[in-house]
Amino acid sequence: MIYVEISEELENDAEEMGISNELNFIADQFLIYKQASRNREHPAPSRNVQERDESASEYFGRDRFDKFSKHAQKEEIQHVHLRQEDSIWEDEEGYGYAQWHCTSDSYLVYSYFKYKNDHYYYLIEFFGESAHSLYEKETEKFIQCAKDFRFNKLKELEAN
């Protein structure tokens, strides 16, 4: 099974900005996207797969791990590009580009872990714009959020 949870902070931010419905839509689409992935493609398709194939979702582009922080890599911090209004993810004939080439300045930041045969995704942050510059400033927060989520979720799962 695949599970997706939204961080309380992200839910609160979305509520304050009046975009709770949009966040829930993104979370639903994220689950569908991850369900469409082959089992060995968790938490994200390999770069080779992304360079070759279109995304399994029209909403999500390049999906990758944090390439700068070893601590973020250990916590499986990932980010996936979200399509923006001005994104050009298809050629002039309407055929989609390979997922790796579908980028934007909008990210959904998430963490991942696997327990038994289940995949757990935790949506930590959404950057609607300026994602590249904002992401690096908050990496430590993402690491702590991922650790806390994994610890608490494992505690809950092992209690059941």
Protein backbone atom coordinates (compact mmCIF):
# COMPACT_ATOMS: atom_id res chain seq x y z
CA MET A 1 0.00 0.00 0.00
CA ILE A 2 0.94 3.62 -0.45
CA TYR A 3 0.06 6.24 2.14
CA VAL A 4 0.30 10.01 1.83
CA GLU A 5 0.01 12.34 4.79
CA ILE A 6 0.19 16.13 4.85
CA SER A 7 2.18 17.83 7.59
CA GLU A 8 0.14 19.82 10.09
CA GLU A 9 2.23 22.91 9.34
CA LEU A 10 1.52 22.62 5.62
CA GLU A 11 -2.20 22.11 6.28
CA ASN A 12 -2.26 25.17 8.56
CA ASP A 13 -0.40 27.29 6.01
CA ALA A 14 -2.83 26.22 3.28
CA GLU A 15 -5.79 27.08 5.48
CA GLU A 16 -4.37 30.53 6.27
CA MET A 17 -3.82 31.19 2.56
CA GLY A 18 -7.26 29.87 1.63
CA ILE A 19 -5.87 27.07 -0.53
CA SER A 20 -6.86 23.97 1.50
CA ASN A 21 -8.87 22.55 -1.41
CA GLU A 22 -5.92 23.01 -3.78
CA LEU A 23 -3.56 21.31 -1.31
CA ASN A 24 -5.94 18.37 -0.94
CA PHE A 25 -6.17 18.12 -4.74
CA ILE A 26 -2.34 18.10 -4.99
CA ALA A 27 -2.15 15.41 -2.27
CA ASP A 28 -4.76 13.28 -4.09
CA GLN A 29 -2.89 13.67 -7.40
CA PHE A 30 0.41 12.86 -5.66
CA LEU A 31 -1.09 9.59 -4.37
CA ILE A 32 -2.32 8.69 -7.86
CA TYR A 33 1.13 9.53 -9.28
CA LYS A 34 2.90 7.33 -6.73
CA GLN A 35 0.40 4.50 -7.22
CA ALA A 36 1.22 4.58 -10.95
CA SER A 37 4.90 4.03 -10.18
CA ARG A 38 6.39 0.59 -10.42
CA ASN A 39 7.41 -0.88 -7.06
CA ARG A 40 11.13 -0.31 -7.59
CA GLU A 41 10.49 3.36 -8.40
CA HIS A 42 9.84 4.46 -4.85
CA PRO A 43 10.40 7.08 -3.64
CA ALA A 44 10.97 8.40 -7.19
CA PRO A 45 11.66 6.99 -10.64
CA SER A 46 15.37 6.76 -11.41
CA ARG A 47 16.96 9.51 -13.44
CA ASN A 48 17.29 7.09 -16.37
CA VAL A 49 13.56 6.36 -16.29
CA GLN A 50 12.72 10.07 -15.99
CA GLU A 51 15.02 10.94 -18.90
CA ARG A 52 13.33 8.33 -21.06
CA ASP A 53 9.63 8.36 -20.09
CA GLU A 54 6.86 10.89 -19.64
CA SER A 55 5.64 11.45 -16.10
CA ALA A 56 2.85 9.25 -14.82
CA SER A 57 1.03 12.52 -14.01
CA GLU A 58 0.35 15.67 -15.96
CA TYR A 59 0.82 17.64 -12.73
CA PHE A 60 4.27 16.42 -11.64
CA GLY A 61 7.59 16.75 -13.40
CA ARG A 62 11.17 16.06 -12.34
CA ASP A 63 11.17 14.09 -9.10
CA ARG A 64 14.45 13.89 -7.24
CA PHE A 65 16.29 13.56 -3.97
CA ASP A 66 18.15 16.38 -2.24
CA LYS A 67 21.52 16.34 -4.00
CA PHE A 68 23.28 18.72 -1.61
CA SER A 69 22.62 17.47 1.92
CA LYS A 70 23.70 14.00 3.06
CA HIS A 71 21.38 14.35 6.08
CA ALA A 72 18.43 15.08 3.80
CA GLN A 73 19.36 12.09 1.65
CA LYS A 74 19.43 9.90 4.77
CA GLU A 75 15.91 11.07 5.62
CA GLU A 76 14.75 10.52 2.01
CA ILE A 77 13.87 14.18 1.47
CA GLN A 78 12.66 14.56 -2.09
CA HIS A 79 11.07 17.26 -4.18
CA VAL A 80 8.92 17.04 -7.25
CA HIS A 81 8.34 19.90 -9.67
CA LEU A 82 4.74 20.96 -10.07
CA ARG A 83 3.36 22.22 -13.33
CA GLN A 84 2.81 25.98 -13.42
CA GLU A 85 0.66 27.94 -15.86
CA ASP A 86 3.67 28.86 -17.98
CA SER A 87 5.24 25.36 -17.93
CA ILE A 88 5.95 23.90 -21.35
CA TRP A 89 5.90 20.15 -20.81
CA GLU A 90 4.72 19.13 -24.30
CA ASP A 91 6.08 19.65 -27.77
CA GLU A 92 4.18 21.57 -30.45
CA GLU A 93 2.30 18.39 -31.42
CA GLY A 94 1.07 17.81 -27.86
CA TYR A 95 3.39 14.95 -26.97
CA GLY A 96 4.75 15.10 -23.45
CA TYR A 97 8.44 15.63 -22.81
CA ALA A 98 10.37 13.14 -20.74
CA GLN A 99 9.70 13.70 -17.03
CA TRP A 100 13.28 14.86 -16.32
CA HIS A 101 12.80 17.82 -18.67
CA CYS A 102 9.57 18.92 -16.99
CA THR A 103 10.77 21.51 -14.52
CA SER A 104 9.35 24.61 -12.90
CA ASP A 105 10.02 26.92 -9.99
CA SER A 106 7.30 25.22 -7.96
CA TYR A 107 8.06 22.26 -5.66
CA LEU A 108 6.28 19.82 -3.47
CA VAL A 109 8.77 18.74 -0.80
CA TYR A 110 8.20 15.33 0.73
CA SER A 111 9.87 12.58 2.70
CA TYR A 112 9.58 8.84 2.29
CA PHE A 113 10.13 5.63 4.16
CA LYS A 114 9.13 2.02 3.71
CA TYR A 115 7.83 -0.17 6.51
CA LYS A 116 7.28 -3.82 5.77
CA ASN A 117 5.85 -3.62 2.24
CA ASP A 118 4.11 -0.27 2.65
CA HIS A 119 5.31 3.07 1.29
CA TYR A 120 4.85 6.19 3.43
CA TYR A 121 5.02 9.69 1.96
CA TYR A 122 4.90 12.84 4.04
CA LEU A 123 4.13 16.12 2.30
CA ILE A 124 6.20 18.71 4.13
CA GLU A 125 6.17 21.91 2.07
CA PHE A 126 4.74 23.42 -1.07
CA PHE A 127 6.49 26.26 -2.85
CA GLY A 128 4.21 27.84 -5.45
CA GLU A 129 7.05 29.97 -6.76
CA SER A 130 10.72 30.71 -6.06
CA ALA A 131 11.20 27.10 -5.00
CA HIS A 132 14.85 26.93 -5.98
CA SER A 133 15.89 29.76 -3.68
CA LEU A 134 13.51 28.92 -0.81
CA TYR A 135 14.22 25.19 -0.65
CA GLU A 136 17.85 25.45 0.43
CA LYS A 137 16.98 27.86 3.25
CA GLU A 138 14.64 25.33 4.88
CA THR A 139 16.47 22.03 4.44
CA GLU A 140 17.15 21.59 8.16
CA LYS A 141 13.47 22.07 8.93
CA PHE A 142 12.57 19.43 6.34
CA ILE A 143 15.04 16.97 7.86
CA GLN A 144 13.55 17.43 11.33
CA CYS A 145 9.99 17.10 10.01
CA ALA A 146 10.89 13.88 8.20
CA LYS A 147 12.60 12.42 11.28
CA ASP A 148 9.66 13.29 13.52
CA PHE A 149 7.13 11.86 11.09
CA ARG A 150 9.05 8.61 10.61
CA PHE A 151 9.62 8.19 14.36
CA ASN A 152 5.98 8.84 15.28
CA LYS A 153 4.56 6.78 12.42
CA LEU A 154 6.80 3.78 13.24
CA LYS A 155 5.82 4.05 16.90
CA GLU A 156 2.14 4.04 15.86
CA LEU A 157 2.58 1.13 13.43
CA GLU A 158 4.49 -1.00 15.90
CA ALA A 159 1.86 -0.39 18.58
CA ASN A 160 -0.83 -1.87 16.32
